[in-house]
Amino acid sequence: MKQRLAGAPQRQQPLRTVLLRAAFFFAAMTLCPPLPGAEQAETKPSAQKLAAEEKEGCMKNLQAIYAAIEAYRADHKDIPNWFSDLVPDYLTNVNVLICPVSRRTGKVDAPQLSDPRIASSYLFEFCPLPLGTSAPANPKVTRREWKRKQMGAVGSIVPLVRCRLHQKPLNLAFDGRIYESPPAWESMLTNLVDPESLTPARMFPAGAETSAKPVAPKKSYPARDTNAAPRLLDLTPFYNARLTDTWHGDANATGNDLASLPAGVQTLAGVDYDVRGVVQLGSKAPTANRFPTNALGIKVHQKCQRVHFLHSAAFGHAADDGKQIGVYVVHFASNQMRLEVPIVYGKDVRDWHYWAAEKEAPGLKLAWKGENKTSKAAGSYIRLFETTWTNIVPEVEIESIDFLSSLSQPAPFLMAITLE
């Protein structure tokens, strides 16, 4: 057979042969199954895209829900019991109560935790349902009380709302942050606390006081000075003790009060304060558990460079130095940013009664000192402290401030807040 010369033109195949081979190729592609993994390779990107889109839609829903809760809280000084409390005054579009995953699959969260009056796929963590068998020693304790107690322990990371329909649940924190977590969000805090300590059974053991509801003021307080500037915040709705009360003792106890501190606008440590009552929070001290764990929604609606807190603590000891006993959560009006101002024993406050066993604390700022019958008998004195927080975004209006106890041994109390 002769070899074809290099560069010689090849003989063209008949058109019929080309068409037959093409038909055979397409038939083979149609009849033969794809190689293993080929189908998955095609559908996986679309599944990931769908999950991302549904997650984004869910986050937008959570942002809308948080805005409605914040508006409700501004009016009622507390958060709602159910989503349905928001409709229609604070939440006109009820579609945001359904996660996109639920719309596609029909799945919802645990029916026993669902809103009794409106359909929702989200779990509202602060609902008033009893914990039942989750808190064997105190089955009548509500989920709402449990969550408030968790906030006292770990702060505003506690979820208000959860969506457990995604591969990683989405959480809307009390301070407005949205974050992913394992099914048990508490497991993220192992570097701070033992997650088991945040369970209902551990937080409400046998014999524990279960009421965590704010104490409604039933007493009369001195009227606010009509000339008091707006920068001296009005704490009247949150007072639960008068300056003349022995508020840490029995109902008829006397002699351990702040009566030596004049009521009204006072200049202390160079700052004007509106001083007319006490906002006492609870702690794990046995005689402090009758006080609320928080004071939420102190109205501000102003811009400022600094915030001055006039405060102190009760039931504290020298060994408590360095412990965080509470926190102020600053809420801004034009965005979802929330900043926390920790209250550290030995740095910001100490017990309002001076004890000789205390070590020197250079950073602690004494704003006022006085005496009462109890301090005189002990050869001591009583005192209040000042903490000044510098605002990193002074051009943004502060909407409100929350005051929360960490439920450690010392119980923080607040006397006044002044803006600068």
Protein backbone atom coordinates (compact mmCIF):
# COMPACT_ATOMS: atom_id res chain seq x y z
CA MET A 1 0.00 0.00 0.00
CA LYS A 2 1.36 3.38 -0.95
CA GLN A 3 1.90 5.97 1.75
CA ARG A 4 0.06 9.28 1.44
CA LEU A 5 2.45 12.14 0.68
CA ALA A 6 2.81 14.80 3.42
CA GLY A 7 0.63 17.75 2.66
CA ALA A 8 -1.46 15.89 0.14
CA PRO A 9 -5.17 16.73 0.37
CA GLN A 10 -7.31 14.14 2.17
CA ARG A 11 -10.24 12.61 0.41
CA GLN A 12 -13.48 14.12 1.71
CA GLN A 13 -15.96 11.70 3.29
CA PRO A 14 -19.33 11.40 1.68
CA LEU A 15 -22.05 13.61 3.27
CA ARG A 16 -24.15 10.55 4.05
CA THR A 17 -21.34 9.06 6.20
CA VAL A 18 -20.94 12.31 8.18
CA LEU A 19 -24.68 12.51 8.88
CA LEU A 20 -24.86 8.87 9.98
CA ARG A 21 -21.96 9.29 12.41
CA ALA A 22 -23.50 12.47 13.88
CA ALA A 23 -26.84 10.72 14.38
CA PHE A 24 -25.12 7.80 16.11
CA PHE A 25 -23.24 10.19 18.46
CA PHE A 26 -26.38 12.06 19.57
CA ALA A 27 -28.28 8.80 20.05
CA ALA A 28 -25.49 7.49 22.28
CA MET A 29 -25.52 10.67 24.37
CA THR A 30 -29.28 10.37 24.82
CA LEU A 31 -29.41 6.64 25.66
CA CYS A 32 -26.29 6.30 27.81
CA PRO A 33 -26.60 7.43 31.48
CA PRO A 34 -24.33 10.27 32.67
CA LEU A 35 -21.13 9.43 34.43
CA PRO A 36 -21.42 9.02 38.22
CA GLY A 37 -21.42 12.42 39.95
CA ALA A 38 -22.20 14.39 36.79
CA GLU A 39 -25.80 15.10 37.83
CA GLN A 40 -24.75 16.10 41.32
CA ALA A 41 -22.16 18.45 39.88
CA GLU A 42 -24.89 20.19 37.89
CA THR A 43 -27.50 20.45 40.70
CA LYS A 44 -25.18 21.28 43.61
CA PRO A 45 -24.53 24.91 42.59
CA SER A 46 -28.27 25.51 42.16
CA ALA A 47 -29.00 24.03 45.60
CA GLN A 48 -26.35 26.24 47.16
CA LYS A 49 -27.75 29.27 45.37
CA LEU A 50 -31.26 28.47 46.62
CA ALA A 51 -30.02 28.08 50.20
CA ALA A 52 -28.18 31.40 50.00
CA GLU A 53 -31.24 33.19 48.60
CA GLU A 54 -33.51 31.72 51.27
CA LYS A 55 -31.04 32.69 53.99
CA GLU A 56 -30.88 36.26 52.68
CA GLY A 57 -34.69 36.45 52.57
CA CYS A 58 -34.92 35.09 56.11
CA MET A 59 -32.45 37.70 57.39
CA LYS A 60 -34.51 40.48 55.84
CA ASN A 61 -37.57 39.09 57.63
CA LEU A 62 -35.70 39.05 60.94
CA GLN A 63 -34.63 42.67 60.44
CA ALA A 64 -38.24 43.70 59.84
CA ILE A 65 -39.38 41.76 62.92
CA TYR A 66 -36.71 43.42 65.06
CA ALA A 67 -37.76 46.89 63.88
CA ALA A 68 -41.34 46.09 64.90
CA ILE A 69 -40.25 44.77 68.32
CA GLU A 70 -38.14 47.88 68.94
CA ALA A 71 -41.09 50.15 68.06
CA TYR A 72 -43.33 48.16 70.40
CA ARG A 73 -40.76 48.34 73.18
CA ALA A 74 -40.41 52.12 72.81
CA ASP A 75 -44.15 52.48 73.48
CA HIS A 76 -44.63 49.75 76.11
CA LYS A 77 -41.21 49.75 77.85
CA ASP A 78 -41.10 45.98 77.35
CA ILE A 79 -41.03 43.46 74.53
CA PRO A 80 -44.23 41.70 73.35
CA ASN A 81 -45.40 38.29 74.53
CA TRP A 82 -46.13 37.07 70.99
CA PHE A 83 -45.64 38.13 67.38
CA SER A 84 -49.38 38.74 67.22
CA ASP A 85 -48.97 41.63 69.69
CA LEU A 86 -47.13 43.46 66.89
CA VAL A 87 -49.94 43.15 64.33
CA PRO A 88 -51.14 45.47 62.85
CA ASP A 89 -49.83 48.54 64.70
CA TYR A 90 -46.14 47.66 64.51
CA LEU A 91 -46.04 44.98 61.82
CA THR A 92 -48.35 45.51 58.84
CA ASN A 93 -46.78 42.90 56.54
CA VAL A 94 -47.41 39.53 58.21
CA ASN A 95 -45.61 37.77 55.35
CA VAL A 96 -42.30 38.49 57.10
CA LEU A 97 -43.33 35.99 59.79
CA ILE A 98 -42.83 33.13 57.31
CA CYS A 99 -39.31 32.05 56.37
CA PRO A 100 -38.71 31.37 52.63
CA VAL A 101 -37.74 27.79 53.54
CA SER A 102 -41.16 27.31 55.13
CA ARG A 103 -42.88 28.70 52.04
CA ARG A 104 -41.06 26.19 49.86
CA THR A 105 -41.26 23.12 52.10
CA GLY A 106 -44.21 23.74 54.41
CA LYS A 107 -42.02 23.12 57.47
CA VAL A 108 -42.60 25.14 60.66
CA ASP A 109 -41.03 25.18 64.13
CA ALA A 110 -42.32 23.27 67.15
CA PRO A 111 -46.15 23.63 67.16
CA GLN A 112 -46.31 23.84 70.96
CA LEU A 113 -44.27 27.07 70.81
CA SER A 114 -46.26 28.67 67.99
CA ASP A 115 -48.18 31.92 68.32
CA PRO A 116 -51.78 31.20 69.38
CA ARG A 117 -53.27 33.92 67.18
CA ILE A 118 -51.18 34.19 64.02
CA ALA A 119 -49.24 31.87 61.69
CA SER A 120 -45.46 32.04 61.88
CA SER A 121 -42.51 29.78 61.09
CA TYR A 122 -40.26 31.59 63.56
CA LEU A 123 -39.72 30.84 67.23
CA PHE A 124 -40.25 33.82 69.56
CA GLU A 125 -38.02 32.95 72.50
CA PHE A 126 -39.59 35.35 75.02
CA CYS A 127 -43.09 33.88 74.89
CA PRO A 128 -44.94 33.30 78.22
CA LEU A 129 -45.38 29.53 77.93
CA PRO A 130 -44.53 27.48 81.06
CA LEU A 131 -41.34 25.43 80.84
CA GLY A 132 -43.02 22.34 82.27
CA THR A 133 -40.75 19.31 82.46
CA SER A 134 -37.76 21.35 81.28
CA ALA A 135 -37.68 22.90 84.76
CA PRO A 136 -38.78 19.97 86.96
CA ALA A 137 -38.44 21.91 90.21
CA ASN A 138 -40.36 24.93 88.89
CA PRO A 139 -42.58 23.79 85.99
CA LYS A 140 -44.67 26.98 86.07
CA VAL A 141 -41.69 29.18 85.25
CA THR A 142 -42.18 30.68 81.79
CA ARG A 143 -39.86 30.65 78.80
CA ARG A 144 -39.88 34.46 79.04
CA GLU A 145 -38.54 34.37 82.60
CA TRP A 146 -35.89 31.85 81.59
CA LYS A 147 -34.64 34.01 78.71
CA ARG A 148 -34.49 37.10 80.91
CA LYS A 149 -32.37 35.16 83.38
CA GLN A 150 -30.07 34.00 80.57
CA MET A 151 -29.60 37.64 79.56
CA GLY A 152 -28.52 38.45 83.09
CA ALA A 153 -25.86 35.75 82.78
CA VAL A 154 -24.50 36.24 79.24
CA GLY A 155 -25.91 39.54 77.98
CA SER A 156 -27.65 40.54 74.78
CA ILE A 157 -26.42 37.61 72.65
CA VAL A 158 -29.52 35.74 73.87
CA PRO A 159 -31.83 35.28 70.85
CA LEU A 160 -35.16 37.07 70.66
CA VAL A 161 -36.18 35.13 67.57
CA ARG A 162 -34.83 31.94 66.00
CA CYS A 163 -35.25 30.25 62.65
CA ARG A 164 -34.26 26.59 62.83
CA LEU A 165 -35.20 25.70 59.24
CA HIS A 166 -31.72 26.31 57.79
CA GLN A 167 -28.72 24.00 57.91
CA LYS A 168 -27.34 26.38 60.56
CA PRO A 169 -30.10 28.09 62.57
CA LEU A 170 -30.36 31.87 62.28
CA ASN A 171 -30.64 33.85 65.52
CA LEU A 172 -31.89 37.41 66.02
CA ALA A 173 -30.12 38.54 69.19
CA PHE A 174 -31.68 40.82 71.78
CA ASP A 175 -29.38 43.62 70.58
CA GLY A 176 -30.40 43.21 66.92
CA ARG A 177 -27.47 41.15 65.66
CA ILE A 178 -28.22 38.22 63.36
CA TYR A 179 -25.86 35.27 63.64
CA GLU A 180 -25.63 31.57 62.75
CA SER A 181 -25.20 28.94 65.44
CA PRO A 182 -25.41 25.24 66.18
CA PRO A 183 -28.92 23.99 67.11
CA ALA A 184 -28.07 24.84 70.75
CA TRP A 185 -26.74 28.41 70.52
CA GLU A 186 -25.52 28.20 74.14
CA SER A 187 -22.72 25.85 73.01
CA MET A 188 -21.00 28.86 71.40
CA LEU A 189 -20.28 30.31 74.85
CA THR A 190 -18.13 27.52 76.30
CA ASN A 191 -15.23 29.97 76.75
CA LEU A 192 -17.44 32.14 78.97
CA VAL A 193 -19.82 29.85 80.83
CA ASP A 194 -20.78 26.22 81.17
CA PRO A 195 -23.72 25.87 78.71
CA GLU A 196 -25.36 23.51 81.18
CA SER A 197 -25.62 26.41 83.65
CA LEU A 198 -27.98 28.18 81.23
CA THR A 199 -30.55 25.35 81.13
CA PRO A 200 -33.95 25.77 82.83
CA ALA A 201 -33.21 23.01 85.33
CA ARG A 202 -30.00 24.72 86.49
CA MET A 203 -31.35 28.26 86.41
CA PHE A 204 -34.53 27.36 88.33
CA PRO A 205 -33.55 24.76 90.93
CA ALA A 206 -35.80 23.69 93.78
CA GLY A 207 -36.60 26.57 96.11
CA ALA A 208 -35.51 29.28 93.67
CA GLU A 209 -37.53 32.45 93.33
CA THR A 210 -39.09 32.39 89.90
CA SER A 211 -40.43 35.88 89.30
CA ALA A 212 -38.23 37.88 86.96
CA LYS A 213 -40.83 40.49 86.06
CA PRO A 214 -40.02 44.14 86.64
CA VAL A 215 -41.48 45.54 89.83
CA ALA A 216 -44.13 48.15 89.03
CA PRO A 217 -43.54 51.32 91.06
CA LYS A 218 -46.28 51.58 93.69
CA LYS A 219 -44.70 54.37 95.70
CA SER A 220 -44.72 58.10 95.12
CA TYR A 221 -41.48 59.85 94.26
CA PRO A 222 -40.46 63.52 94.30
CA ALA A 223 -41.64 65.31 91.17
CA ARG A 224 -39.06 66.01 88.50
CA ASP A 225 -37.83 69.60 88.45
CA THR A 226 -39.54 71.40 85.59
CA ASN A 227 -36.24 73.11 84.81
CA ALA A 228 -34.32 69.82 84.58
CA ALA A 229 -32.58 69.68 81.20
CA PRO A 230 -33.45 66.81 78.80
CA ARG A 231 -29.85 65.59 79.08
CA LEU A 232 -30.68 64.60 82.67
CA LEU A 233 -32.64 61.46 81.82
CA ASP A 234 -35.95 60.81 83.55
CA LEU A 235 -35.81 57.45 85.39
CA THR A 236 -39.17 57.86 87.15
CA PRO A 237 -40.87 54.89 85.40
CA PHE A 238 -38.11 52.57 86.62
CA TYR A 239 -37.75 53.58 90.27
CA ASN A 240 -38.46 50.81 92.76
CA ALA A 241 -37.13 52.41 95.94
CA ARG A 242 -37.18 55.89 97.47
CA LEU A 243 -34.16 57.66 98.90
CA THR A 244 -35.79 57.42 102.33
CA ASP A 245 -36.47 53.66 102.07
CA THR A 246 -34.46 50.90 103.73
CA TRP A 247 -35.02 48.98 100.53
CA HIS A 248 -32.68 46.06 101.29
CA GLY A 249 -34.26 45.08 104.58
CA ASP A 250 -37.63 43.83 105.76
CA ALA A 251 -40.77 45.81 105.07
CA ASN A 252 -40.56 47.65 108.40
CA ALA A 253 -36.77 48.03 108.53
CA THR A 254 -35.29 51.52 108.97
CA GLY A 255 -31.95 53.24 109.22
CA ASN A 256 -30.24 51.98 106.04
CA ASP A 257 -31.22 54.49 103.39
CA LEU A 258 -30.01 57.36 101.21
CA ALA A 259 -31.97 60.05 103.03
CA SER A 260 -28.77 62.11 103.50
CA LEU A 261 -28.67 62.62 99.72
CA PRO A 262 -30.97 65.57 98.85
CA ALA A 263 -33.60 64.80 96.20
CA GLY A 264 -33.67 66.77 92.96
CA VAL A 265 -31.01 68.10 90.59
CA GLN A 266 -27.63 67.69 92.28
CA THR A 267 -24.09 68.47 91.10
CA LEU A 268 -21.89 65.51 92.01
CA ALA A 269 -18.26 65.15 90.89
CA GLY A 270 -18.81 68.09 88.55
CA VAL A 271 -21.83 66.57 86.79
CA ASP A 272 -25.51 67.52 87.17
CA TYR A 273 -27.80 64.58 87.98
CA ASP A 274 -31.55 64.22 88.50
CA VAL A 275 -31.58 62.20 91.76
CA ARG A 276 -35.02 61.24 93.07
CA GLY A 277 -35.10 57.46 93.47
CA VAL A 278 -33.32 54.13 93.10
CA VAL A 279 -33.46 51.57 90.27
CA GLN A 280 -32.38 48.39 92.06
CA LEU A 281 -31.75 45.19 90.09
CA GLY A 282 -31.61 41.66 91.45
CA SER A 283 -28.73 39.26 91.93
CA LYS A 284 -28.17 35.79 93.32
CA ALA A 285 -27.94 37.25 96.84
CA PRO A 286 -30.91 35.78 98.77
CA THR A 287 -32.31 39.17 99.78
CA ALA A 288 -31.95 40.62 96.26
CA ASN A 289 -34.08 38.13 94.34
CA ARG A 290 -37.25 40.18 94.80
CA PHE A 291 -35.91 42.89 92.50
CA PRO A 292 -36.20 42.80 88.68
CA THR A 293 -33.31 41.57 86.57
CA ASN A 294 -33.46 44.49 84.15
CA ALA A 295 -34.83 47.93 83.33
CA LEU A 296 -35.45 48.05 79.59
CA GLY A 297 -36.05 51.01 77.30
CA ILE A 298 -34.81 54.05 79.24
CA LYS A 299 -35.68 56.79 76.75
CA VAL A 300 -32.91 58.99 75.39
CA HIS A 301 -33.63 60.27 71.82
CA GLN A 302 -30.57 62.54 71.87
CA LYS A 303 -27.04 62.77 70.55
CA CYS A 304 -24.13 63.06 72.96
CA GLN A 305 -20.37 62.89 73.39
CA ARG A 306 -20.41 61.09 76.74
CA VAL A 307 -22.81 59.35 79.12
CA HIS A 308 -22.39 59.64 82.90
CA PHE A 309 -23.85 56.89 85.10
CA LEU A 310 -24.39 57.54 88.83
CA HIS A 311 -24.65 54.10 90.41
CA SER A 312 -23.48 51.66 93.07
CA ALA A 313 -24.11 48.09 94.25
CA ALA A 314 -25.41 46.12 97.19
CA PHE A 315 -24.40 42.75 98.72
CA GLY A 316 -20.85 43.07 97.39
CA HIS A 317 -17.60 41.95 99.02
CA ALA A 318 -13.90 42.52 98.44
CA ALA A 319 -13.64 39.08 96.78
CA ASP A 320 -16.01 40.26 94.02
CA ASP A 321 -13.44 42.64 92.51
CA GLY A 322 -13.08 42.08 88.78
CA LYS A 323 -16.52 40.47 88.29
CA GLN A 324 -18.95 41.92 85.77
CA ILE A 325 -22.16 42.48 87.71
CA GLY A 326 -24.26 44.19 85.05
CA VAL A 327 -24.30 46.01 81.74
CA TYR A 328 -25.80 49.07 80.06
CA VAL A 329 -26.88 48.39 76.47
CA VAL A 330 -26.95 51.55 74.34
CA HIS A 331 -29.40 51.41 71.41
CA PHE A 332 -28.91 53.76 68.45
CA ALA A 333 -31.86 55.13 66.49
CA SER A 334 -30.76 55.13 62.84
CA ASN A 335 -29.21 51.67 62.57
CA GLN A 336 -29.01 48.33 64.32
CA MET A 337 -25.80 49.05 66.18
CA ARG A 338 -25.88 48.27 69.90
CA LEU A 339 -22.98 49.01 72.25
CA GLU A 340 -22.52 47.54 75.71
CA VAL A 341 -21.08 49.33 78.72
CA PRO A 342 -20.07 46.67 81.28
CA ILE A 343 -20.37 47.31 85.02
CA VAL A 344 -17.34 45.75 86.70
CA TYR A 345 -17.13 45.44 90.48
CA GLY A 346 -14.01 47.20 91.78
CA LYS A 347 -13.62 49.20 88.56
CA ASP A 348 -16.98 50.96 88.15
CA VAL A 349 -18.73 50.33 91.45
CA ARG A 350 -18.41 48.65 94.83
CA ASP A 351 -20.86 48.05 97.64
CA TRP A 352 -22.54 51.28 98.68
CA HIS A 353 -21.24 50.65 102.23
CA TYR A 354 -17.49 51.11 102.59
CA TRP A 355 -15.67 48.11 104.09
CA ALA A 356 -12.18 48.36 105.58
CA ALA A 357 -11.17 45.08 103.90
CA GLU A 358 -11.31 46.68 100.43
CA LYS A 359 -8.12 47.11 98.46
CA GLU A 360 -7.29 50.38 96.77
CA ALA A 361 -8.86 50.75 93.30
CA PRO A 362 -7.29 53.72 91.45
CA GLY A 363 -9.79 53.68 88.58
CA LEU A 364 -12.87 53.76 90.82
CA LYS A 365 -14.46 57.24 90.82
CA LEU A 366 -16.31 58.26 93.99
CA ALA A 367 -19.10 60.72 93.19
CA TRP A 368 -20.79 61.10 96.59
CA LYS A 369 -20.37 59.95 100.16
CA GLY A 370 -22.70 60.25 103.14
CA GLU A 371 -23.91 58.32 106.13
CA ASN A 372 -26.96 56.72 107.69
CA LYS A 373 -27.78 55.03 110.97
CA THR A 374 -26.34 51.69 109.85
CA SER A 375 -23.07 53.11 108.53
CA LYS A 376 -22.57 55.18 111.68
CA ALA A 377 -22.97 52.10 113.85
CA ALA A 378 -20.29 50.37 111.74
CA GLY A 379 -17.93 53.34 111.81
CA SER A 380 -18.19 53.51 108.03
CA TYR A 381 -19.92 55.56 105.32
CA ILE A 382 -22.15 55.10 102.28
CA ARG A 383 -21.24 56.11 98.74
CA LEU A 384 -22.17 56.36 95.07
CA PHE A 385 -19.87 56.05 92.08
CA GLU A 386 -19.63 57.57 88.62
CA THR A 387 -18.81 55.81 85.36
CA THR A 388 -18.29 57.93 82.24
CA TRP A 389 -18.67 56.25 78.85
CA THR A 390 -17.31 57.98 75.75
CA ASN A 391 -19.58 57.60 72.73
CA ILE A 392 -17.66 56.46 69.62
CA VAL A 393 -20.47 57.64 67.30
CA PRO A 394 -21.54 61.01 68.77
CA GLU A 395 -23.19 62.06 65.51
CA VAL A 396 -25.77 59.23 65.77
CA GLU A 397 -28.83 59.66 67.98
CA ILE A 398 -29.13 57.31 70.96
CA GLU A 399 -32.65 55.92 71.13
CA SER A 400 -32.64 54.17 74.51
CA ILE A 401 -30.54 52.45 77.17
CA ASP A 402 -31.15 49.09 78.87
CA PHE A 403 -29.88 48.33 82.38
CA LEU A 404 -29.31 44.62 83.09
CA SER A 405 -27.99 42.61 86.02
CA SER A 406 -25.52 39.75 85.47
CA LEU A 407 -27.08 37.95 88.45
CA SER A 408 -23.78 37.51 90.23
CA GLN A 409 -23.53 38.14 93.99
CA PRO A 410 -23.42 41.99 93.99
CA ALA A 411 -26.68 43.64 92.88
CA PRO A 412 -26.16 46.86 90.87
CA PHE A 413 -28.40 49.87 91.36
CA LEU A 414 -28.74 53.04 89.29
CA MET A 415 -29.44 56.53 90.59
CA ALA A 416 -29.20 58.77 87.51
CA ILE A 417 -27.93 59.10 83.93
CA THR A 418 -26.70 62.36 82.41
CA LEU A 419 -25.68 63.03 78.81
CA GLU A 420 -22.90 65.38 77.80
